[in-house]
N, C-alpha and C. Protein backbone atom coordinates (compact mmCIF):
# COMPACT_ATOMS: atom_id res chain seq x y z
N MET A 1 16.35 12.12 -0.37
CA MET A 1 16.36 11.41 -1.41
C MET A 1 15.28 10.12 -1.30
N ARG A 2 14.19 10.06 -2.39
CA ARG A 2 13.36 9.04 -2.13
C ARG A 2 13.91 7.71 -2.71
N PRO A 3 13.18 6.55 -1.95
CA PRO A 3 13.86 5.24 -2.17
C PRO A 3 13.64 4.97 -3.52
N LEU A 4 14.35 4.06 -4.02
CA LEU A 4 14.57 3.57 -5.37
C LEU A 4 13.12 3.05 -5.86
N LEU A 5 12.40 2.48 -5.05
CA LEU A 5 11.03 1.90 -5.35
C LEU A 5 10.18 2.92 -5.79
N ALA A 6 10.24 4.10 -5.05
CA ALA A 6 9.10 4.88 -5.54
C ALA A 6 9.70 5.63 -6.77
N GLN A 7 11.16 5.73 -7.06
CA GLN A 7 11.64 6.26 -8.43
C GLN A 7 11.25 5.19 -9.52
N ASN A 8 10.99 4.17 -9.41
CA ASN A 8 10.85 3.29 -10.26
C ASN A 8 9.57 2.48 -9.96
N ALA A 9 8.30 3.14 -9.98
CA ALA A 9 7.07 2.57 -9.55
C ALA A 9 6.54 1.56 -10.58
N SER A 10 6.84 2.14 -11.74
CA SER A 10 6.52 1.11 -12.87
C SER A 10 7.01 -0.36 -13.07
N ARG A 11 8.22 -0.34 -12.31
CA ARG A 11 8.80 -1.83 -12.28
C ARG A 11 8.64 -2.35 -11.05
N LEU A 12 7.91 -1.94 -9.98
CA LEU A 12 7.70 -2.16 -8.48
C LEU A 12 6.93 -3.63 -8.67
N ASP A 13 7.70 -4.48 -8.03
CA ASP A 13 7.09 -5.96 -7.78
C ASP A 13 6.56 -6.11 -6.26
N TRP A 14 5.52 -5.99 -6.06
CA TRP A 14 4.69 -5.57 -4.59
C TRP A 14 5.23 -6.88 -4.05
N SER A 15 5.19 -8.19 -4.50
CA SER A 15 5.28 -9.45 -3.68
C SER A 15 6.99 -9.51 -3.18
N CYS A 16 7.86 -8.80 -3.68
CA CYS A 16 9.19 -8.76 -3.35
C CYS A 16 9.39 -7.69 -2.36
N VAL A 17 8.62 -6.77 -2.09
CA VAL A 17 8.60 -5.82 -1.17
C VAL A 17 7.84 -5.71 -0.08
N LEU A 18 6.45 -6.28 -0.07
CA LEU A 18 5.37 -5.99 0.80
C LEU A 18 5.08 -7.49 1.22
N THR A 19 4.51 -7.68 2.39
CA THR A 19 4.07 -8.87 3.01
C THR A 19 2.85 -9.34 2.13
N ALA A 20 2.41 -10.35 2.59
CA ALA A 20 1.10 -10.59 1.91
C ALA A 20 -0.11 -10.06 2.47
N ARG A 21 0.10 -9.58 3.74
CA ARG A 21 -1.05 -8.67 4.56
C ARG A 21 -1.02 -7.29 3.84
N GLN A 22 0.21 -6.97 3.79
CA GLN A 22 0.34 -5.62 3.29
C GLN A 22 -0.12 -5.30 1.87
N GLN A 23 0.00 -6.34 1.18
CA GLN A 23 -0.46 -6.46 -0.26
C GLN A 23 -2.11 -6.53 -0.42
N GLU A 24 -2.54 -7.13 0.70
CA GLU A 24 -4.18 -7.08 0.84
C GLU A 24 -4.42 -5.79 1.46
N VAL A 25 -3.92 -5.09 1.99
CA VAL A 25 -4.07 -3.63 2.34
C VAL A 25 -4.00 -2.71 1.16
N VAL A 26 -2.88 -2.91 0.31
CA VAL A 26 -2.94 -2.20 -0.92
C VAL A 26 -4.14 -2.26 -1.87
N ALA A 27 -4.71 -3.68 -1.90
CA ALA A 27 -5.77 -3.80 -2.83
C ALA A 27 -7.04 -3.14 -2.03
N LEU A 28 -7.14 -3.13 -0.79
CA LEU A 28 -8.22 -2.26 -0.32
C LEU A 28 -8.20 -0.94 -0.48
N ILE A 29 -6.99 -0.38 -0.48
CA ILE A 29 -6.88 1.21 -0.64
C ILE A 29 -7.09 1.45 -2.01
N CYS A 30 -6.77 0.70 -3.00
CA CYS A 30 -7.13 0.99 -4.45
C CYS A 30 -8.74 0.78 -4.33
N ARG A 31 -9.30 -0.10 -3.55
CA ARG A 31 -10.77 0.21 -3.79
C ARG A 31 -11.53 1.35 -3.14
N GLY A 32 -10.71 2.15 -2.45
CA GLY A 32 -11.24 3.47 -2.00
C GLY A 32 -11.57 3.26 -0.45
N LEU A 33 -10.99 2.32 0.24
CA LEU A 33 -11.37 2.03 1.61
C LEU A 33 -10.73 2.84 2.62
N SER A 34 -11.32 3.28 3.37
CA SER A 34 -10.65 4.04 4.47
C SER A 34 -9.98 2.98 5.30
N ASN A 35 -9.13 3.46 6.37
CA ASN A 35 -8.63 2.72 7.49
C ASN A 35 -9.51 1.90 8.04
N LYS A 36 -10.54 2.35 8.54
CA LYS A 36 -11.60 1.94 9.56
C LYS A 36 -12.36 0.89 8.83
N GLU A 37 -12.53 1.10 7.26
CA GLU A 37 -13.16 0.01 6.50
C GLU A 37 -12.32 -1.01 6.13
N ILE A 38 -10.91 -0.88 5.95
CA ILE A 38 -10.06 -1.81 5.96
C ILE A 38 -9.69 -2.65 6.93
N ALA A 39 -9.97 -2.06 8.16
CA ALA A 39 -9.71 -2.81 9.54
C ALA A 39 -11.08 -3.75 9.72
N ARG A 40 -12.12 -3.37 9.26
CA ARG A 40 -13.43 -4.10 9.42
C ARG A 40 -13.43 -5.25 8.41
N GLU A 41 -12.89 -4.86 7.22
CA GLU A 41 -12.65 -6.21 6.16
C GLU A 41 -11.72 -7.07 6.52
N LEU A 42 -10.58 -6.79 7.03
CA LEU A 42 -9.82 -7.88 7.60
C LEU A 42 -9.60 -8.16 8.92
N ARG A 43 -10.44 -7.83 9.66
CA ARG A 43 -10.71 -8.30 11.05
C ARG A 43 -9.60 -7.71 11.83
N LEU A 44 -9.01 -6.43 11.69
CA LEU A 44 -8.16 -6.02 12.35
C LEU A 44 -8.43 -4.72 13.07
N SER A 45 -7.69 -4.14 14.09
CA SER A 45 -7.97 -2.99 14.72
C SER A 45 -7.52 -1.86 13.71
N GLU A 46 -8.37 -0.59 14.15
CA GLU A 46 -7.90 0.38 13.02
C GLU A 46 -6.43 0.83 13.20
N GLY A 47 -6.02 0.74 14.67
CA GLY A 47 -4.52 1.14 14.78
C GLY A 47 -3.52 0.00 13.92
N THR A 48 -3.98 -1.22 14.13
CA THR A 48 -3.01 -2.14 13.31
C THR A 48 -2.99 -1.85 11.70
N THR A 49 -4.19 -1.43 11.35
CA THR A 49 -4.24 -0.89 9.70
C THR A 49 -3.51 0.20 9.58
N LYS A 50 -3.57 1.35 10.49
CA LYS A 50 -2.52 2.34 10.16
C LYS A 50 -1.34 2.06 10.17
N VAL A 51 -0.57 1.21 11.02
CA VAL A 51 0.76 0.74 10.99
C VAL A 51 0.91 0.33 9.71
N HIS A 52 0.08 -0.86 9.18
CA HIS A 52 0.21 -1.59 7.94
C HIS A 52 0.41 -0.43 6.65
N VAL A 53 -0.34 0.45 6.79
CA VAL A 53 -0.37 1.73 5.80
C VAL A 53 1.01 2.38 6.07
N HIS A 54 1.40 2.81 7.08
CA HIS A 54 2.63 3.36 7.35
C HIS A 54 3.75 2.42 6.76
N ASN A 55 3.77 1.28 7.02
CA ASN A 55 5.08 0.30 6.80
C ASN A 55 4.98 0.19 5.07
N ILE A 56 3.78 0.29 4.38
CA ILE A 56 3.82 0.33 3.03
C ILE A 56 4.48 1.36 2.39
N LEU A 57 4.06 2.74 3.06
CA LEU A 57 4.49 3.86 2.55
C LEU A 57 6.01 3.89 2.90
N VAL A 58 6.71 3.51 4.20
CA VAL A 58 8.21 3.37 4.27
C VAL A 58 8.87 2.61 3.34
N LYS A 59 8.15 1.18 3.10
CA LYS A 59 8.71 0.46 2.38
C LYS A 59 8.94 0.78 0.87
N THR A 60 7.98 1.30 0.45
CA THR A 60 7.77 1.82 -1.06
C THR A 60 8.43 3.11 -1.34
N GLY A 61 8.48 4.03 -0.29
CA GLY A 61 8.97 5.37 -0.57
C GLY A 61 7.98 6.20 -1.11
N PHE A 62 6.62 5.62 -1.17
CA PHE A 62 5.68 6.68 -1.45
C PHE A 62 5.12 7.69 -0.45
N ARG A 63 4.67 8.70 -0.60
CA ARG A 63 4.36 9.67 0.14
C ARG A 63 2.71 9.62 0.51
N SER A 64 2.05 8.89 -0.07
CA SER A 64 0.71 8.94 0.14
C SER A 64 -0.07 7.88 -0.38
N ARG A 65 -1.49 7.65 -0.08
CA ARG A 65 -2.31 6.79 -0.51
C ARG A 65 -2.51 6.76 -2.13
N THR A 66 -2.45 8.00 -2.28
CA THR A 66 -2.71 8.37 -3.71
C THR A 66 -1.67 7.89 -4.64
N GLU A 67 -0.55 8.04 -4.12
CA GLU A 67 0.70 7.45 -4.69
C GLU A 67 0.66 5.94 -5.04
N ILE A 68 0.06 5.05 -3.92
CA ILE A 68 -0.06 4.00 -3.80
C ILE A 68 -0.93 3.61 -4.90
N ILE A 69 -2.01 4.03 -4.85
CA ILE A 69 -2.84 3.68 -6.08
C ILE A 69 -2.55 3.99 -7.27
N PHE A 70 -1.76 5.11 -7.65
CA PHE A 70 -1.31 5.29 -8.76
C PHE A 70 -0.48 4.20 -9.25
N ALA A 71 0.57 3.79 -8.50
CA ALA A 71 1.53 2.89 -8.93
C ALA A 71 0.97 1.47 -9.34
N ALA A 72 -0.17 1.16 -8.26
CA ALA A 72 -0.89 -0.14 -8.32
C ALA A 72 -1.64 -0.27 -9.54
N THR A 73 -2.00 0.89 -9.82
CA THR A 73 -3.05 1.02 -11.25
C THR A 73 -2.15 0.83 -12.51
N ARG A 74 -1.15 1.35 -12.43
CA ARG A 74 0.06 1.38 -13.83
C ARG A 74 0.32 0.08 -13.69
N LEU A 75 0.51 -0.76 -12.63
CA LEU A 75 1.08 -2.25 -12.68
C LEU A 75 0.16 -3.02 -13.10
N THR A 76 -1.21 -2.70 -12.97
CA THR A 76 -2.22 -3.76 -13.63
C THR A 76 -2.87 -3.29 -14.97
N ALA A 77 -2.30 -2.10 -15.44
CA ALA A 77 -2.80 -1.64 -16.65
C ALA A 77 -2.28 -2.06 -17.87
């Protein structure tokens, strides 16, 4: 069963679930940046960026970057 956050993406409050850094990563994912580009933008290693993306997926219950983008764009629309 998927976590409740993924089931209720339209009501997801990113700030209650994700750290400030993870929210920055989400914003960059939504801009279509790759892990390498996100790492460069935030001055992180690519490995650290991968960990952030993984933790975002775990915390939200989403299965892919596409689901993150879909949920984030629904919240801002």
